[in-house]
Amino acid sequence: HSFKVEATVRGVQQEPVGWVADLADLDAELKAVAAQLDHGLLNEKPGLERPTLEHLCLYFAERLKVRFPGLSRIVVSRPTISESCALNVA
């Protein structure tokens, strides 16, 4: 299956650049987490024994929140079947 993951970060602009988070860093971290899941059985990964879209949202949120404390939303979708799930991160 192919999935698409989107992450939203909120917060105060950081000087001197004026961004909330470096989107290149966020992209690299998203790809690193995705690489942990690539070419394997999702239900064999700890935390994904039931690999629903909801659990995938939680999986990505738990791993991204450490490096991006302003993480506010994760959306995981399967475009091939037009399904998606959104998680608002507290």
C-alpha atoms as a PDB file:
ATOM      1  CA  HIS A   1       0.000   0.000   0.000  1.00  0.00           C
ATOM      2  CA  SER A   2       1.075   3.563  -0.587  1.00  0.00           C
ATOM      3  CA  PHE A   3       0.393   6.264   1.955  1.00  0.00           C
ATOM      4  CA  LYS A   4       0.758  10.028   1.979  1.00  0.00           C
ATOM      5  CA  VAL A   5       1.650  11.787   5.230  1.00  0.00           C
ATOM      6  CA  GLU A   6       1.277  15.511   5.905  1.00  0.00           C
ATOM      7  CA  ALA A   7       2.486  17.285   9.037  1.00  0.00           C
ATOM      8  CA  THR A   8       1.544  20.750  10.286  1.00  0.00           C
ATOM      9  CA  VAL A   9       3.675  22.709  12.730  1.00  0.00           C
ATOM     10  CA  ARG A  10       2.463  25.778  14.625  1.00  0.00           C
ATOM     11  CA  GLY A  11       4.285  28.192  16.860  1.00  0.00           C
ATOM     12  CA  VAL A  12       6.053  31.491  17.207  1.00  0.00           C
ATOM     13  CA  GLN A  13       8.300  32.637  14.392  1.00  0.00           C
ATOM     14  CA  GLN A  14      11.950  32.003  15.156  1.00  0.00           C
ATOM     15  CA  GLU A  15      14.414  34.760  14.395  1.00  0.00           C
ATOM     16  CA  PRO A  16      16.442  35.583  12.393  1.00  0.00           C
ATOM     17  CA  VAL A  17      14.805  33.566   9.598  1.00  0.00           C
ATOM     18  CA  GLY A  18      11.183  34.059  10.642  1.00  0.00           C
ATOM     19  CA  TRP A  19       9.975  30.481  10.349  1.00  0.00           C
ATOM     20  CA  VAL A  20       8.261  28.265  12.909  1.00  0.00           C
ATOM     21  CA  ALA A  21      10.290  25.209  11.884  1.00  0.00           C
ATOM     22  CA  ASP A  22      12.735  24.402   9.131  1.00  0.00           C
ATOM     23  CA  LEU A  23      10.555  22.586   6.606  1.00  0.00           C
ATOM     24  CA  ALA A  24      13.584  20.828   5.136  1.00  0.00           C
ATOM     25  CA  ASP A  25      14.215  19.311   8.579  1.00  0.00           C
ATOM     26  CA  LEU A  26      10.554  18.348   8.882  1.00  0.00           C
ATOM     27  CA  ASP A  27      10.609  16.749   5.430  1.00  0.00           C
ATOM     28  CA  ALA A  28      13.772  14.804   6.282  1.00  0.00           C
ATOM     29  CA  GLU A  29      12.244  13.553   9.543  1.00  0.00           C
ATOM     30  CA  LEU A  30       9.026  12.508   7.789  1.00  0.00           C
ATOM     31  CA  LYS A  31      11.091  10.564   5.258  1.00  0.00           C
ATOM     32  CA  ALA A  32      13.153   8.949   8.035  1.00  0.00           C
ATOM     33  CA  VAL A  33      10.037   7.734   9.854  1.00  0.00           C
ATOM     34  CA  ALA A  34       8.524   6.512   6.581  1.00  0.00           C
ATOM     35  CA  ALA A  35      11.755   4.658   5.780  1.00  0.00           C
ATOM     36  CA  GLN A  36      11.324   2.678   9.024  1.00  0.00           C
ATOM     37  CA  LEU A  37       8.053   1.342   7.585  1.00  0.00           C
ATOM     38  CA  ASP A  38       9.061   0.887   3.963  1.00  0.00           C
ATOM     39  CA  HIS A  39       9.347  -2.635   2.538  1.00  0.00           C
ATOM     40  CA  GLY A  40       8.076  -4.332   5.668  1.00  0.00           C
ATOM     41  CA  LEU A  41       4.872  -5.587   7.202  1.00  0.00           C
ATOM     42  CA  LEU A  42       3.290  -2.757   9.140  1.00  0.00           C
ATOM     43  CA  ASN A  43       1.625  -5.075  11.647  1.00  0.00           C
ATOM     44  CA  GLU A  44       5.070  -6.354  12.667  1.00  0.00           C
ATOM     45  CA  LYS A  45       6.150  -2.871  13.800  1.00  0.00           C
ATOM     46  CA  PRO A  46       5.693  -2.078  17.507  1.00  0.00           C
ATOM     47  CA  GLY A  47       2.690   0.192  17.841  1.00  0.00           C
ATOM     48  CA  LEU A  48       1.269  -0.828  14.475  1.00  0.00           C
ATOM     49  CA  GLU A  49      -0.015  -4.292  15.274  1.00  0.00           C
ATOM     50  CA  ARG A  50      -3.297  -2.959  13.888  1.00  0.00           C
ATOM     51  CA  PRO A  51      -2.063  -0.696  11.075  1.00  0.00           C
ATOM     52  CA  THR A  52      -5.125   1.487  10.645  1.00  0.00           C
ATOM     53  CA  LEU A  53      -4.831   5.030   9.337  1.00  0.00           C
ATOM     54  CA  GLU A  54      -5.538   6.187  12.899  1.00  0.00           C
ATOM     55  CA  HIS A  55      -2.630   4.171  14.271  1.00  0.00           C
ATOM     56  CA  LEU A  56      -0.361   5.438  11.489  1.00  0.00           C
ATOM     57  CA  CYS A  57      -1.252   9.015  12.486  1.00  0.00           C
ATOM     58  CA  LEU A  58      -0.304   8.238  16.090  1.00  0.00           C
ATOM     59  CA  TYR A  59       2.902   6.479  14.992  1.00  0.00           C
ATOM     60  CA  PHE A  60       4.090   9.509  13.029  1.00  0.00           C
ATOM     61  CA  ALA A  61       2.960  11.983  15.691  1.00  0.00           C
ATOM     62  CA  GLU A  62       4.845  10.194  18.482  1.00  0.00           C
ATOM     63  CA  ARG A  63       8.066  10.195  16.475  1.00  0.00           C
ATOM     64  CA  LEU A  64       7.826  13.741  15.106  1.00  0.00           C
ATOM     65  CA  LYS A  65       6.708  15.446  18.337  1.00  0.00           C
ATOM     66  CA  VAL A  66      10.120  14.866  19.933  1.00  0.00           C
ATOM     67  CA  ARG A  67      11.930  17.003  17.370  1.00  0.00           C
ATOM     68  CA  PHE A  68       9.029  19.315  16.477  1.00  0.00           C
ATOM     69  CA  PRO A  69       7.228  20.356  19.676  1.00  0.00           C
ATOM     70  CA  GLY A  70       4.959  22.647  17.632  1.00  0.00           C
ATOM     71  CA  LEU A  71       3.545  19.672  15.715  1.00  0.00           C
ATOM     72  CA  SER A  72      -0.185  20.300  15.605  1.00  0.00           C
ATOM     73  CA  ARG A  73      -1.638  17.965  12.990  1.00  0.00           C
ATOM     74  CA  ILE A  74      -0.865  14.747  11.114  1.00  0.00           C
ATOM     75  CA  VAL A  75      -2.852  13.557   8.106  1.00  0.00           C
ATOM     76  CA  VAL A  76      -2.310  10.086   6.671  1.00  0.00           C
ATOM     77  CA  SER A  77      -4.080   9.175   3.464  1.00  0.00           C
ATOM     78  CA  ARG A  78      -4.293   6.375   0.939  1.00  0.00           C
ATOM     79  CA  PRO A  79      -4.942   8.244  -2.303  1.00  0.00           C
ATOM     80  CA  THR A  80      -5.587   5.050  -4.279  1.00  0.00           C
ATOM     81  CA  ILE A  81      -8.780   4.417  -2.317  1.00  0.00           C
ATOM     82  CA  SER A  82      -9.585   8.014  -1.283  1.00  0.00           C
ATOM     83  CA  GLU A  83      -9.322   7.385   2.475  1.00  0.00           C
ATOM     84  CA  SER A  84      -7.651   9.626   5.034  1.00  0.00           C
ATOM     85  CA  CYS A  85      -7.382  10.251   8.727  1.00  0.00           C
ATOM     86  CA  ALA A  86      -6.407  13.463  10.511  1.00  0.00           C
ATOM     87  CA  LEU A  87      -5.041  13.701  14.038  1.00  0.00           C
ATOM     88  CA  ASN A  88      -4.886  16.997  15.911  1.00  0.00           C
ATOM     89  CA  VAL A  89      -1.843  16.733  18.148  1.00  0.00           C
ATOM     90  CA  ALA A  90      -2.158  18.187  21.638  1.00  0.00           C
END
